[in-house]
Amino acid sequence: MLLFPDTKTSFSFGLTQSPKEVFYIKPIQRATAMRIVTESHYLHRSCPCSFAFGLFCKDSGGLVGVIVYGTPSSAPLRSGVCGKDEAGNVIELTRLWVADGTPKNTESFFIGNTLPLIDKEIVVSFADPTAGHVGTVYQASNWIYTGLSAKRTDWNIEGVKRHGQTIGDKYTAAYLREHAGERFTLKDRPQKHRYVYFNAKPRRRKELLSKLKYPVTAYPKSANQ
């Protein structure tokens, strides 16, 4: 039984049903996407958002999933995937949430049917090992695995709602220690599994693959594989 976060109504699915049979996808407003991901996604915080789509039940119209794509906050990431000349062509799948109890392959269906709706060719996403994630859905969708993200430090100023990378790009640590004092803190950021998808036709995909700066490695396995 599912409880839709937008309507607070419930609905049951047959787990063997095809996602195509029971769901449809359409764009949603940023405000709606941010409300759902902050309430329901395990990170419980907003994210960069250029495109947002909802996964809806055909029978009831209830919202059972949200996917968000946005410009990566990290300038080194944007230029580091395929070089500086492709930096403006990079977008990140910043949030994916699908309600528990949906049919098998729902997440893959959701990703696969929203990628053609965005206007960037290089899509990056991360799976968080500290949350027990290895990126199984990206592996099932034939994304390229490029190893772990770089070791970085998150910069945080208490009371300032900005991404740590944005703060670090604008200020020096010395400046922040002087002006923010104890409100300024540094915290090691856990490394994450990094996946890349080339959202392009075969010839262009081959060209982008030749520009890829990260090593392509074997998919990581989860503890139960």
N, C-alpha and C. Protein backbone atom coordinates (compact mmCIF):
# COMPACT_ATOMS: atom_id res chain seq x y z
N MET A 1 0.85 -1.19 0.00
CA MET A 1 0.00 0.00 0.00
C MET A 1 0.89 1.25 0.00
N LEU A 2 0.61 2.18 -0.90
CA LEU A 2 1.39 3.40 -0.99
C LEU A 2 0.59 4.60 -0.50
N LEU A 3 1.29 5.54 0.10
CA LEU A 3 0.68 6.81 0.49
C LEU A 3 1.30 7.90 -0.35
N PHE A 4 0.52 8.49 -1.25
CA PHE A 4 1.04 9.52 -2.14
C PHE A 4 1.27 10.81 -1.36
N PRO A 5 2.48 11.39 -1.44
CA PRO A 5 2.77 12.58 -0.64
C PRO A 5 2.02 13.82 -1.07
N ASP A 6 1.51 13.84 -2.31
CA ASP A 6 0.81 15.05 -2.76
C ASP A 6 -0.68 15.02 -2.42
N THR A 7 -1.27 13.84 -2.40
CA THR A 7 -2.71 13.74 -2.19
C THR A 7 -3.07 13.10 -0.86
N LYS A 8 -2.07 12.43 -0.20
CA LYS A 8 -2.29 11.71 1.05
C LYS A 8 -3.31 10.59 0.88
N THR A 9 -3.43 10.08 -0.36
CA THR A 9 -4.29 8.94 -0.61
C THR A 9 -3.41 7.73 -0.89
N SER A 10 -3.95 6.54 -0.76
CA SER A 10 -3.17 5.32 -0.92
C SER A 10 -3.65 4.50 -2.11
N PHE A 11 -2.74 3.61 -2.57
CA PHE A 11 -3.07 2.76 -3.71
C PHE A 11 -2.13 1.57 -3.69
N SER A 12 -2.61 0.41 -4.11
CA SER A 12 -1.79 -0.80 -4.14
C SER A 12 -1.43 -1.16 -5.57
N PHE A 13 -0.17 -1.63 -5.76
CA PHE A 13 0.29 -2.08 -7.07
C PHE A 13 0.61 -3.56 -7.01
N GLY A 14 0.47 -4.22 -8.14
CA GLY A 14 1.00 -5.57 -8.28
C GLY A 14 2.48 -5.45 -8.59
N LEU A 15 3.33 -6.07 -7.78
CA LEU A 15 4.77 -5.89 -7.94
C LEU A 15 5.28 -6.47 -9.26
N THR A 16 4.49 -7.32 -9.92
CA THR A 16 4.91 -7.89 -11.19
C THR A 16 4.43 -7.07 -12.39
N GLN A 17 3.67 -6.01 -12.13
CA GLN A 17 3.20 -5.17 -13.22
C GLN A 17 4.36 -4.40 -13.85
N SER A 18 4.22 -4.10 -15.13
CA SER A 18 5.21 -3.27 -15.80
C SER A 18 4.99 -1.81 -15.42
N PRO A 19 6.07 -1.06 -15.11
CA PRO A 19 5.90 0.36 -14.79
C PRO A 19 5.18 1.12 -15.91
N LYS A 20 5.40 0.71 -17.14
CA LYS A 20 4.76 1.38 -18.28
C LYS A 20 3.25 1.23 -18.23
N GLU A 21 2.79 0.14 -17.64
CA GLU A 21 1.35 -0.10 -17.55
C GLU A 21 0.66 0.81 -16.54
N VAL A 22 1.37 1.14 -15.48
CA VAL A 22 0.69 1.81 -14.37
C VAL A 22 1.10 3.26 -14.14
N PHE A 23 2.19 3.73 -14.78
CA PHE A 23 2.68 5.08 -14.52
C PHE A 23 2.79 5.92 -15.78
N TYR A 24 2.75 7.23 -15.58
CA TYR A 24 3.11 8.17 -16.64
C TYR A 24 4.00 9.25 -16.03
N ILE A 25 4.72 9.96 -16.88
CA ILE A 25 5.71 10.95 -16.43
C ILE A 25 5.36 12.31 -17.03
N LYS A 26 5.51 13.35 -16.23
CA LYS A 26 5.33 14.71 -16.76
C LYS A 26 6.16 15.68 -15.92
N PRO A 27 6.52 16.84 -16.50
CA PRO A 27 7.27 17.84 -15.74
C PRO A 27 6.46 18.34 -14.55
N ILE A 28 7.17 18.69 -13.48
CA ILE A 28 6.52 19.29 -12.32
C ILE A 28 7.27 20.56 -11.94
N GLN A 29 6.65 21.41 -11.16
CA GLN A 29 7.27 22.65 -10.75
C GLN A 29 8.40 22.38 -9.75
N ARG A 30 9.39 23.27 -9.78
CA ARG A 30 10.52 23.12 -8.88
C ARG A 30 10.06 23.09 -7.42
N ALA A 31 9.13 23.95 -7.07
CA ALA A 31 8.66 24.01 -5.68
C ALA A 31 8.07 22.67 -5.23
N THR A 32 7.32 22.03 -6.13
CA THR A 32 6.74 20.73 -5.80
C THR A 32 7.84 19.69 -5.63
N ALA A 33 8.81 19.69 -6.55
CA ALA A 33 9.91 18.72 -6.46
C ALA A 33 10.70 18.89 -5.18
N MET A 34 11.01 20.14 -4.81
CA MET A 34 11.80 20.37 -3.61
C MET A 34 11.02 19.98 -2.35
N ARG A 35 9.73 20.21 -2.36
CA ARG A 35 8.92 19.82 -1.20
C ARG A 35 8.95 18.31 -1.01
N ILE A 36 8.79 17.58 -2.10
CA ILE A 36 8.75 16.12 -2.01
C ILE A 36 10.11 15.56 -1.61
N VAL A 37 11.21 16.04 -2.23
CA VAL A 37 12.52 15.45 -1.93
C VAL A 37 12.97 15.81 -0.51
N THR A 38 12.64 17.01 -0.05
CA THR A 38 13.04 17.35 1.32
C THR A 38 12.25 16.56 2.35
N GLU A 39 11.03 16.18 1.99
CA GLU A 39 10.21 15.37 2.90
C GLU A 39 10.56 13.88 2.81
N SER A 40 10.83 13.39 1.59
CA SER A 40 10.85 11.95 1.37
C SER A 40 12.22 11.36 1.02
N HIS A 41 13.11 12.11 0.38
CA HIS A 41 14.43 11.60 0.03
C HIS A 41 15.29 11.52 1.30
N TYR A 42 16.17 10.54 1.36
CA TYR A 42 16.92 10.32 2.61
C TYR A 42 17.81 11.48 3.01
N LEU A 43 18.23 12.34 2.05
CA LEU A 43 19.06 13.48 2.39
C LEU A 43 18.27 14.62 3.03
N HIS A 44 16.98 14.69 2.74
CA HIS A 44 16.08 15.70 3.32
C HIS A 44 16.58 17.13 3.12
N ARG A 45 17.08 17.43 1.94
CA ARG A 45 17.48 18.81 1.64
C ARG A 45 17.30 19.08 0.15
N SER A 46 17.22 20.36 -0.19
CA SER A 46 17.02 20.76 -1.58
C SER A 46 18.31 20.57 -2.37
N CYS A 47 18.25 20.82 -3.67
CA CYS A 47 19.38 20.54 -4.55
C CYS A 47 19.26 21.41 -5.80
N PRO A 48 20.34 21.53 -6.59
CA PRO A 48 20.23 22.23 -7.87
C PRO A 48 19.14 21.60 -8.74
N CYS A 49 18.34 22.43 -9.37
CA CYS A 49 17.19 21.92 -10.14
C CYS A 49 17.00 22.73 -11.41
N SER A 50 17.29 22.12 -12.54
CA SER A 50 17.00 22.72 -13.85
C SER A 50 15.79 22.06 -14.50
N PHE A 51 15.63 20.77 -14.22
CA PHE A 51 14.50 19.99 -14.74
C PHE A 51 13.97 19.12 -13.61
N ALA A 52 12.66 19.05 -13.48
CA ALA A 52 12.05 18.19 -12.48
C ALA A 52 10.86 17.47 -13.10
N PHE A 53 10.76 16.18 -12.84
CA PHE A 53 9.69 15.37 -13.40
C PHE A 53 9.05 14.53 -12.30
N GLY A 54 7.77 14.30 -12.46
CA GLY A 54 7.04 13.47 -11.52
C GLY A 54 6.61 12.17 -12.16
N LEU A 55 6.53 11.13 -11.36
CA LEU A 55 6.03 9.82 -11.78
C LEU A 55 4.64 9.67 -11.17
N PHE A 56 3.65 9.51 -12.03
CA PHE A 56 2.26 9.53 -11.58
C PHE A 56 1.57 8.21 -11.88
N CYS A 57 0.65 7.85 -11.00
CA CYS A 57 -0.16 6.65 -11.19
C CYS A 57 -1.27 6.95 -12.20
N LYS A 58 -1.41 6.11 -13.21
CA LYS A 58 -2.42 6.33 -14.25
C LYS A 58 -3.84 6.27 -13.69
N ASP A 59 -4.08 5.38 -12.74
CA ASP A 59 -5.43 5.22 -12.22
C ASP A 59 -5.88 6.36 -11.32
N SER A 60 -4.99 6.78 -10.41
CA SER A 60 -5.41 7.76 -9.41
C SER A 60 -4.84 9.15 -9.63
N GLY A 61 -3.77 9.25 -10.45
CA GLY A 61 -3.09 10.53 -10.62
C GLY A 61 -2.16 10.86 -9.47
N GLY A 62 -1.97 9.93 -8.53
CA GLY A 62 -1.10 10.17 -7.39
C GLY A 62 0.36 10.22 -7.79
N LEU A 63 1.13 11.07 -7.13
CA LEU A 63 2.56 11.23 -7.40
C LEU A 63 3.35 10.20 -6.59
N VAL A 64 4.09 9.32 -7.27
CA VAL A 64 4.82 8.25 -6.58
C VAL A 64 6.33 8.36 -6.76
N GLY A 65 6.78 9.36 -7.49
CA GLY A 65 8.22 9.51 -7.67
C GLY A 65 8.58 10.90 -8.17
N VAL A 66 9.81 11.32 -7.86
CA VAL A 66 10.33 12.61 -8.32
C VAL A 66 11.77 12.40 -8.77
N ILE A 67 12.12 12.98 -9.90
CA ILE A 67 13.51 12.98 -10.36
C ILE A 67 13.89 14.41 -10.71
N VAL A 68 15.11 14.80 -10.30
CA VAL A 68 15.56 16.17 -10.48
C VAL A 68 16.94 16.16 -11.15
N TYR A 69 17.09 17.01 -12.16
CA TYR A 69 18.38 17.22 -12.82
C TYR A 69 18.77 18.69 -12.64
N GLY A 70 20.04 18.93 -12.31
CA GLY A 70 20.48 20.31 -12.12
C GLY A 70 21.95 20.49 -12.46
N THR A 71 22.36 21.73 -12.66
CA THR A 71 23.77 22.04 -12.93
C THR A 71 24.59 21.72 -11.70
N PRO A 72 25.65 20.91 -11.83
CA PRO A 72 26.46 20.56 -10.66
C PRO A 72 27.02 21.80 -9.97
N SER A 73 27.00 21.81 -8.64
CA SER A 73 27.55 22.93 -7.88
C SER A 73 29.06 23.05 -8.04
N SER A 74 29.71 21.91 -8.33
CA SER A 74 31.16 21.87 -8.41
C SER A 74 31.67 22.23 -9.80
N ALA A 75 32.39 23.36 -9.91
CA ALA A 75 32.99 23.74 -11.19
C ALA A 75 34.04 22.71 -11.64
N PRO A 76 34.88 22.16 -10.72
CA PRO A 76 35.82 21.13 -11.14
C PRO A 76 35.15 19.90 -11.73
N LEU A 77 33.98 19.56 -11.23
CA LEU A 77 33.25 18.42 -11.79
C LEU A 77 32.78 18.74 -13.20
N ARG A 78 32.22 19.92 -13.40
CA ARG A 78 31.69 20.29 -14.72
C ARG A 78 32.77 20.24 -15.80
N SER A 79 33.96 20.71 -15.47
CA SER A 79 35.05 20.73 -16.45
C SER A 79 35.86 19.44 -16.42
N GLY A 80 35.70 18.66 -15.35
CA GLY A 80 36.53 17.48 -15.19
C GLY A 80 36.01 16.24 -15.87
N VAL A 81 34.75 16.21 -16.26
CA VAL A 81 34.19 15.00 -16.86
C VAL A 81 34.74 14.79 -18.26
N CYS A 82 34.54 15.78 -19.14
CA CYS A 82 34.98 15.66 -20.53
C CYS A 82 35.77 16.87 -20.99
N GLY A 83 36.32 17.64 -20.06
CA GLY A 83 37.12 18.79 -20.43
C GLY A 83 36.35 20.09 -20.37
N LYS A 84 37.09 21.19 -20.38
CA LYS A 84 36.49 22.51 -20.24
C LYS A 84 35.54 22.86 -21.39
N ASP A 85 35.83 22.35 -22.60
CA ASP A 85 34.98 22.69 -23.75
C ASP A 85 33.59 22.06 -23.64
N GLU A 86 33.43 21.05 -22.78
CA GLU A 86 32.13 20.41 -22.59
C GLU A 86 31.52 20.75 -21.22
N ALA A 87 32.14 21.68 -20.49
CA ALA A 87 31.67 21.98 -19.12
C ALA A 87 30.22 22.45 -19.10
N GLY A 88 29.81 23.20 -20.10
CA GLY A 88 28.44 23.70 -20.16
C GLY A 88 27.44 22.66 -20.62
N ASN A 89 27.93 21.47 -20.95
CA ASN A 89 27.09 20.39 -21.46
C ASN A 89 26.85 19.32 -20.39
N VAL A 90 27.21 19.65 -19.14
CA VAL A 90 27.12 18.68 -18.06
C VAL A 90 25.93 19.00 -17.15
N ILE A 91 25.20 17.99 -16.78
CA ILE A 91 24.11 18.13 -15.82
C ILE A 91 24.17 16.94 -14.87
N GLU A 92 23.65 17.13 -13.68
CA GLU A 92 23.69 16.06 -12.67
C GLU A 92 22.28 15.60 -12.33
N LEU A 93 22.12 14.31 -12.22
CA LEU A 93 20.88 13.77 -11.66
C LEU A 93 21.03 13.95 -10.14
N THR A 94 20.41 14.99 -9.62
CA THR A 94 20.67 15.40 -8.24
C THR A 94 19.77 14.71 -7.22
N ARG A 95 18.59 14.29 -7.62
CA ARG A 95 17.71 13.56 -6.70
C ARG A 95 16.86 12.56 -7.49
N LEU A 96 16.70 11.39 -6.88
CA LEU A 96 15.78 10.38 -7.39
C LEU A 96 15.07 9.77 -6.20
N TRP A 97 13.78 9.93 -6.17
CA TRP A 97 12.99 9.31 -5.11
C TRP A 97 11.78 8.62 -5.74
N VAL A 98 11.60 7.35 -5.37
CA VAL A 98 10.43 6.59 -5.80
C VAL A 98 9.87 5.90 -4.56
N ALA A 99 8.58 5.97 -4.40
CA ALA A 99 7.95 5.39 -3.21
C ALA A 99 8.19 3.89 -3.13
N ASP A 100 8.30 3.38 -1.91
CA ASP A 100 8.42 1.95 -1.70
C ASP A 100 7.14 1.25 -2.17
N GLY A 101 7.31 0.04 -2.66
CA GLY A 101 6.15 -0.74 -3.06
C GLY A 101 5.77 -0.63 -4.51
N THR A 102 6.56 0.12 -5.29
CA THR A 102 6.30 0.21 -6.73
C THR A 102 6.85 -1.03 -7.43
N PRO A 103 6.37 -1.32 -8.64
CA PRO A 103 6.82 -2.53 -9.34
C PRO A 103 8.32 -2.54 -9.62
N LYS A 104 8.85 -3.70 -9.87
CA LYS A 104 10.26 -3.88 -10.21
C LYS A 104 10.61 -3.03 -11.44
N ASN A 105 11.81 -2.49 -11.44
CA ASN A 105 12.35 -1.68 -12.54
C ASN A 105 11.71 -0.30 -12.67
N THR A 106 10.95 0.14 -11.67
CA THR A 106 10.32 1.46 -11.75
C THR A 106 11.36 2.57 -11.85
N GLU A 107 12.43 2.50 -11.05
CA GLU A 107 13.44 3.55 -11.09
C GLU A 107 14.13 3.62 -12.45
N SER A 108 14.47 2.46 -13.02
CA SER A 108 15.10 2.43 -14.35
C SER A 108 14.17 3.01 -15.40
N PHE A 109 12.88 2.66 -15.31
CA PHE A 109 11.87 3.21 -16.21
C PHE A 109 11.81 4.73 -16.11
N PHE A 110 11.85 5.22 -14.89
CA PHE A 110 11.75 6.65 -14.63
C PHE A 110 12.96 7.39 -15.20
N ILE A 111 14.15 6.89 -14.92
CA ILE A 111 15.37 7.52 -15.45
C ILE A 111 15.38 7.47 -16.98
N GLY A 112 15.14 6.28 -17.53
CA GLY A 112 15.23 6.10 -18.97
C GLY A 112 14.26 6.96 -19.76
N ASN A 113 13.12 7.29 -19.16
CA ASN A 113 12.12 8.07 -19.89
C ASN A 113 12.20 9.57 -19.61
N THR A 114 13.11 9.98 -18.72
CA THR A 114 13.30 11.42 -18.50
C THR A 114 14.59 11.92 -19.16
N LEU A 115 15.57 11.06 -19.35
CA LEU A 115 16.81 11.49 -19.99
C LEU A 115 16.57 12.14 -21.36
N PRO A 116 15.68 11.61 -22.21
CA PRO A 116 15.44 12.26 -23.51
C PRO A 116 14.78 13.63 -23.39
N LEU A 117 14.30 14.00 -22.19
CA LEU A 117 13.59 15.25 -22.01
C LEU A 117 14.48 16.39 -21.54
N ILE A 118 15.77 16.11 -21.30
CA ILE A 118 16.69 17.15 -20.87
C ILE A 118 17.62 17.52 -22.02
N ASP A 119 18.19 18.74 -21.98
CA ASP A 119 18.94 19.26 -23.13
C ASP A 119 20.45 19.22 -22.95
N LYS A 120 20.94 18.36 -22.06
CA LYS A 120 22.37 18.18 -21.88
C LYS A 120 22.77 16.77 -22.30
N GLU A 121 24.00 16.63 -22.78
CA GLU A 121 24.45 15.33 -23.28
C GLU A 121 25.28 14.54 -22.27
N ILE A 122 25.81 15.21 -21.26
CA ILE A 122 26.64 14.53 -20.27
C ILE A 122 25.92 14.58 -18.93
N VAL A 123 25.51 13.42 -18.46
CA VAL A 123 24.75 13.35 -17.21
C VAL A 123 25.59 12.59 -16.17
N VAL A 124 25.71 13.18 -15.00
CA VAL A 124 26.49 12.59 -13.92
C VAL A 124 25.56 12.31 -12.74
N SER A 125 25.82 11.23 -12.04
CA SER A 125 25.08 10.98 -10.81
C SER A 125 25.98 10.23 -9.84
N PHE A 126 25.60 10.29 -8.56
CA PHE A 126 26.42 9.70 -7.51
C PHE A 126 25.57 8.76 -6.65
N ALA A 127 26.21 7.70 -6.18
CA ALA A 127 25.59 6.77 -5.24
C ALA A 127 26.39 6.81 -3.94
N ASP A 128 25.71 6.93 -2.83
CA ASP A 128 26.33 7.17 -1.53
C ASP A 128 26.55 5.85 -0.77
N PRO A 129 27.80 5.40 -0.66
CA PRO A 129 28.05 4.14 0.07
C PRO A 129 27.67 4.22 1.54
N THR A 130 27.72 5.41 2.14
CA THR A 130 27.37 5.53 3.56
C THR A 130 25.89 5.27 3.79
N ALA A 131 25.10 5.36 2.70
CA ALA A 131 23.67 5.05 2.79
C ALA A 131 23.38 3.64 2.27
N GLY A 132 24.46 2.88 1.99
CA GLY A 132 24.30 1.52 1.50
C GLY A 132 24.05 1.43 0.01
N HIS A 133 24.32 2.50 -0.73
CA HIS A 133 24.05 2.53 -2.16
C HIS A 133 25.31 2.28 -2.98
N VAL A 134 25.20 1.47 -4.01
CA VAL A 134 26.32 1.27 -4.94
C VAL A 134 25.96 1.71 -6.36
N GLY A 135 24.71 2.15 -6.57
CA GLY A 135 24.30 2.59 -7.89
C GLY A 135 23.70 1.49 -8.74
N THR A 136 23.00 0.56 -8.11
CA THR A 136 22.41 -0.57 -8.83
C THR A 136 21.51 -0.10 -9.97
N VAL A 137 20.74 0.96 -9.75
CA VAL A 137 19.82 1.43 -10.80
C VAL A 137 20.60 1.98 -11.99
N TYR A 138 21.76 2.59 -11.77
CA TYR A 138 22.58 3.09 -12.87
C TYR A 138 23.23 1.93 -13.63
N GLN A 139 23.62 0.92 -12.89
CA GLN A 139 24.18 -0.26 -13.53
C GLN A 139 23.14 -0.93 -14.43
N ALA A 140 21.91 -1.00 -13.93
CA ALA A 140 20.83 -1.61 -14.72
C ALA A 140 20.48 -0.78 -15.95
N SER A 141 20.83 0.52 -15.91
CA SER A 141 20.52 1.42 -17.02
C SER A 141 21.73 1.68 -17.92
N ASN A 142 22.80 0.89 -17.71
CA ASN A 142 24.01 0.95 -18.56
C ASN A 142 24.76 2.28 -18.48
N TRP A 143 24.79 2.88 -17.30
CA TRP A 143 25.64 4.04 -17.10
C TRP A 143 27.09 3.58 -16.99
N ILE A 144 28.01 4.49 -17.19
CA ILE A 144 29.44 4.20 -17.09
C ILE A 144 29.89 4.48 -15.66
N TYR A 145 30.59 3.52 -15.06
CA TYR A 145 31.11 3.72 -13.71
C TYR A 145 32.53 4.26 -13.80
N THR A 146 32.79 5.36 -13.09
CA THR A 146 34.10 6.01 -13.17
C THR A 146 34.78 6.11 -11.81
N GLY A 147 34.48 5.19 -10.92
CA GLY A 147 35.16 5.15 -9.64
C GLY A 147 34.56 6.08 -8.60
N LEU A 148 35.32 6.31 -7.55
CA LEU A 148 34.86 7.15 -6.45
C LEU A 148 35.16 8.62 -6.70
N SER A 149 34.32 9.47 -6.18
CA SER A 149 34.55 10.90 -6.27
C SER A 149 35.80 11.28 -5.48
N ALA A 150 36.33 12.45 -5.78
CA ALA A 150 37.54 12.92 -5.11
C ALA A 150 37.27 13.18 -3.63
N LYS A 151 38.33 13.07 -2.83
CA LYS A 151 38.20 13.43 -1.42
C LYS A 151 38.09 14.94 -1.31
N ARG A 152 37.04 15.40 -0.67
CA ARG A 152 36.81 16.84 -0.55
C ARG A 152 36.34 17.17 0.87
N THR A 153 36.37 18.44 1.16
CA THR A 153 35.92 18.94 2.46
C THR A 153 34.72 19.85 2.26
N ASP A 154 33.67 19.61 3.01
CA ASP A 154 32.49 20.48 2.95
C ASP A 154 32.70 21.71 3.82
N TRP A 155 32.43 22.86 3.24
CA TRP A 155 32.49 24.12 3.98
C TRP A 155 31.07 24.50 4.39
N ASN A 156 30.91 24.84 5.64
CA ASN A 156 29.57 25.16 6.13
C ASN A 156 29.62 26.40 7.03
N ILE A 157 28.65 27.28 6.83
CA ILE A 157 28.49 28.43 7.72
C ILE A 157 27.11 28.31 8.36
N GLU A 158 27.08 28.18 9.64
CA GLU A 158 25.80 28.03 10.35
C GLU A 158 24.86 29.17 10.01
N GLY A 159 23.65 28.82 9.58
CA GLY A 159 22.65 29.82 9.23
C GLY A 159 22.67 30.25 7.78
N VAL A 160 23.64 29.76 7.00
CA VAL A 160 23.74 30.12 5.58
C VAL A 160 23.39 28.90 4.75
N LYS A 161 22.32 29.00 3.97
CA LYS A 161 21.86 27.86 3.18
C LYS A 161 22.48 27.90 1.79
N ARG A 162 23.76 27.59 1.73
CA ARG A 162 24.47 27.49 0.46
C ARG A 162 25.26 26.19 0.43
N HIS A 163 25.42 25.63 -0.78
CA HIS A 163 26.22 24.42 -0.92
C HIS A 163 27.66 24.74 -0.54
N GLY A 164 28.33 23.80 0.13
CA GLY A 164 29.70 24.01 0.57
C GLY A 164 30.64 24.36 -0.57
N GLN A 165 30.39 23.76 -1.75
CA GLN A 165 31.24 24.06 -2.90
C GLN A 165 31.07 25.52 -3.33
N THR A 166 29.85 26.02 -3.26
CA THR A 166 29.59 27.42 -3.62
C THR A 166 30.32 28.36 -2.68
N ILE A 167 30.31 28.04 -1.39
CA ILE A 167 31.02 28.86 -0.41
C ILE A 167 32.52 28.83 -0.68
N GLY A 168 33.04 27.61 -0.94
CA GLY A 168 34.47 27.46 -1.17
C GLY A 168 34.95 28.15 -2.42
N ASP A 169 34.08 28.23 -3.44
CA ASP A 169 34.45 28.90 -4.69
C ASP A 169 34.54 30.41 -4.51
N LYS A 170 33.82 30.95 -3.53
CA LYS A 170 33.72 32.40 -3.38
C LYS A 170 34.66 32.98 -2.33
N TYR A 171 34.95 32.19 -1.29
CA TYR A 171 35.73 32.73 -0.17
C TYR A 171 36.93 31.83 0.14
N THR A 172 37.89 32.37 0.87
CA THR A 172 38.99 31.58 1.40
C THR A 172 38.66 31.18 2.83
N ALA A 173 39.33 30.12 3.30
CA ALA A 173 39.10 29.67 4.67
C ALA A 173 39.51 30.75 5.66
N ALA A 174 40.60 31.45 5.36
CA ALA A 174 41.08 32.50 6.26
C ALA A 174 40.04 33.61 6.40
N TYR A 175 39.43 33.98 5.28
CA TYR A 175 38.40 35.03 5.31
C TYR A 175 37.22 34.60 6.16
N LEU A 176 36.78 33.35 5.97
CA LEU A 176 35.60 32.87 6.69
C LEU A 176 35.88 32.71 8.19
N ARG A 177 37.09 32.28 8.54
CA ARG A 177 37.43 32.16 9.96
C ARG A 177 37.41 33.54 10.63
N GLU A 178 37.85 34.55 9.87
CA GLU A 178 37.89 35.90 10.43
C GLU A 178 36.49 36.49 10.58
N HIS A 179 35.63 36.27 9.57
CA HIS A 179 34.33 36.94 9.55
C HIS A 179 33.17 36.09 10.11
N ALA A 180 33.31 34.77 10.08
CA ALA A 180 32.22 33.91 10.58
C ALA A 180 32.58 33.25 11.90
N GLY A 181 33.85 33.23 12.24
CA GLY A 181 34.26 32.66 13.51
C GLY A 181 33.86 31.20 13.66
N GLU A 182 33.28 30.86 14.81
CA GLU A 182 32.92 29.48 15.10
C GLU A 182 31.74 28.98 14.27
N ARG A 183 31.05 29.89 13.61
CA ARG A 183 29.94 29.46 12.72
C ARG A 183 30.47 28.75 11.48
N PHE A 184 31.75 28.95 11.16
CA PHE A 184 32.36 28.32 9.99
C PHE A 184 33.01 27.00 10.42
N THR A 185 32.62 25.90 9.75
CA THR A 185 33.16 24.59 10.07
C THR A 185 33.56 23.84 8.80
N LEU A 186 34.49 22.93 8.96
CA LEU A 186 34.95 22.07 7.87
C LEU A 186 34.67 20.62 8.23
N LYS A 187 34.18 19.86 7.26
CA LYS A 187 33.88 18.46 7.51
C LYS A 187 34.24 17.64 6.28
N ASP A 188 34.96 16.54 6.49
CA ASP A 188 35.32 15.67 5.38
C ASP A 188 34.06 15.12 4.71
N ARG A 189 34.03 15.19 3.38
CA ARG A 189 32.89 14.69 2.63
C ARG A 189 33.13 13.23 2.23
N PRO A 190 32.21 12.32 2.53
CA PRO A 190 32.40 10.92 2.14
C PRO A 190 32.51 10.80 0.61
N GLN A 191 33.40 9.94 0.15
CA GLN A 191 33.50 9.69 -1.29
C GLN A 191 32.27 8.91 -1.75
N LYS A 192 31.85 9.18 -2.98
CA LYS A 192 30.67 8.52 -3.53
C LYS A 192 31.00 7.85 -4.85
N HIS A 193 30.22 6.84 -5.19
CA HIS A 193 30.37 6.19 -6.49
C HIS A 193 29.87 7.15 -7.57
N ARG A 194 30.68 7.34 -8.61
CA ARG A 194 30.35 8.32 -9.66
C ARG A 194 30.01 7.59 -10.96
N TYR A 195 28.85 7.95 -11.51
CA TYR A 195 28.38 7.37 -12.77
C TYR A 195 28.18 8.47 -13.81
N VAL A 196 28.43 8.11 -15.07
CA VAL A 196 28.28 9.05 -16.19
C VAL A 196 27.43 8.40 -17.27
N TYR A 197 26.54 9.19 -17.85
CA TYR A 197 25.72 8.71 -18.96
C TYR A 197 25.80 9.72 -20.10
N PHE A 198 26.05 9.24 -21.31
CA PHE A 198 26.09 10.12 -22.46
C PHE A 198 24.74 10.09 -23.16
N ASN A 199 24.04 11.19 -23.03
CA ASN A 199 22.67 11.33 -23.49
C ASN A 199 22.67 11.83 -24.94
N ALA A 200 23.17 10.98 -25.83
CA ALA A 200 23.40 11.40 -27.21
C ALA A 200 23.28 10.21 -28.16
N LYS A 201 23.24 10.51 -29.44
CA LYS A 201 23.20 9.46 -30.46
C LYS A 201 24.56 8.77 -30.54
N PRO A 202 24.60 7.55 -31.12
CA PRO A 202 25.82 6.73 -31.06
C PRO A 202 27.11 7.43 -31.50
N ARG A 203 27.09 8.16 -32.61
CA ARG A 203 28.33 8.80 -33.07
C ARG A 203 28.81 9.85 -32.08
N ARG A 204 27.87 10.67 -31.59
CA ARG A 204 28.23 11.70 -30.62
C ARG A 204 28.63 11.06 -29.29
N ARG A 205 27.98 9.97 -28.92
CA ARG A 205 28.33 9.27 -27.69
C ARG A 205 29.77 8.77 -27.75
N LYS A 206 30.16 8.25 -28.89
CA LYS A 206 31.53 7.78 -29.08
C LYS A 206 32.52 8.92 -28.93
N GLU A 207 32.16 10.09 -29.48
CA GLU A 207 33.02 11.27 -29.38
C GLU A 207 33.18 11.69 -27.92
N LEU A 208 32.07 11.71 -27.18
CA LEU A 208 32.13 12.11 -25.78
C LEU A 208 32.93 11.09 -24.95
N LEU A 209 32.78 9.82 -25.27
CA LEU A 209 33.53 8.80 -24.56
C LEU A 209 35.03 9.00 -24.74
N SER A 210 35.43 9.44 -25.93
CA SER A 210 36.86 9.69 -26.19
C SER A 210 37.38 10.88 -25.38
N LYS A 211 36.47 11.76 -24.95
CA LYS A 211 36.86 12.94 -24.17
C LYS A 211 36.82 12.67 -22.66
N LEU A 212 36.24 11.56 -22.26
CA LEU A 212 36.05 11.28 -20.84
C LEU A 212 37.39 11.27 -20.11
N LYS A 213 37.49 12.07 -19.06
CA LYS A 213 38.73 12.22 -18.31
C LYS A 213 38.86 11.20 -17.17
N TYR A 214 37.76 10.62 -16.75
CA TYR A 214 37.80 9.67 -15.66
C TYR A 214 38.04 8.26 -16.19
N PRO A 215 38.70 7.40 -15.42
CA PRO A 215 38.88 6.01 -15.85
C PRO A 215 37.56 5.24 -15.77
N VAL A 216 37.32 4.39 -16.73
CA VAL A 216 36.14 3.53 -16.72
C VAL A 216 36.51 2.23 -16.01
N THR A 217 35.79 1.89 -14.96
CA THR A 217 36.12 0.70 -14.19
C THR A 217 34.88 -0.19 -14.02
N ALA A 218 35.12 -1.38 -13.48
CA ALA A 218 34.03 -2.34 -13.28
C ALA A 218 33.05 -1.83 -12.24
N TYR A 219 31.80 -2.22 -12.38
CA TYR A 219 30.77 -1.82 -11.43
C TYR A 219 31.08 -2.33 -10.02
N PRO A 220 30.86 -1.52 -9.02
CA PRO A 220 31.00 -2.02 -7.64
C PRO A 220 29.84 -2.94 -7.29
N LYS A 221 30.09 -3.83 -6.35
CA LYS A 221 29.07 -4.78 -5.94
C LYS A 221 28.56 -4.43 -4.54
N SER A 222 27.29 -4.71 -4.33
CA SER A 222 26.73 -4.52 -2.99
C SER A 222 27.09 -5.71 -2.12
N ALA A 223 26.89 -5.57 -0.83
CA ALA A 223 27.28 -6.62 0.11
C ALA A 223 26.55 -7.92 -0.14
N ASN A 224 25.33 -7.86 -0.71
CA ASN A 224 24.55 -9.09 -0.90
C ASN A 224 24.67 -9.64 -2.31
N GLN A 225 25.62 -9.12 -3.11
CA GLN A 225 25.81 -9.64 -4.46
C GLN A 225 26.91 -10.69 -4.48
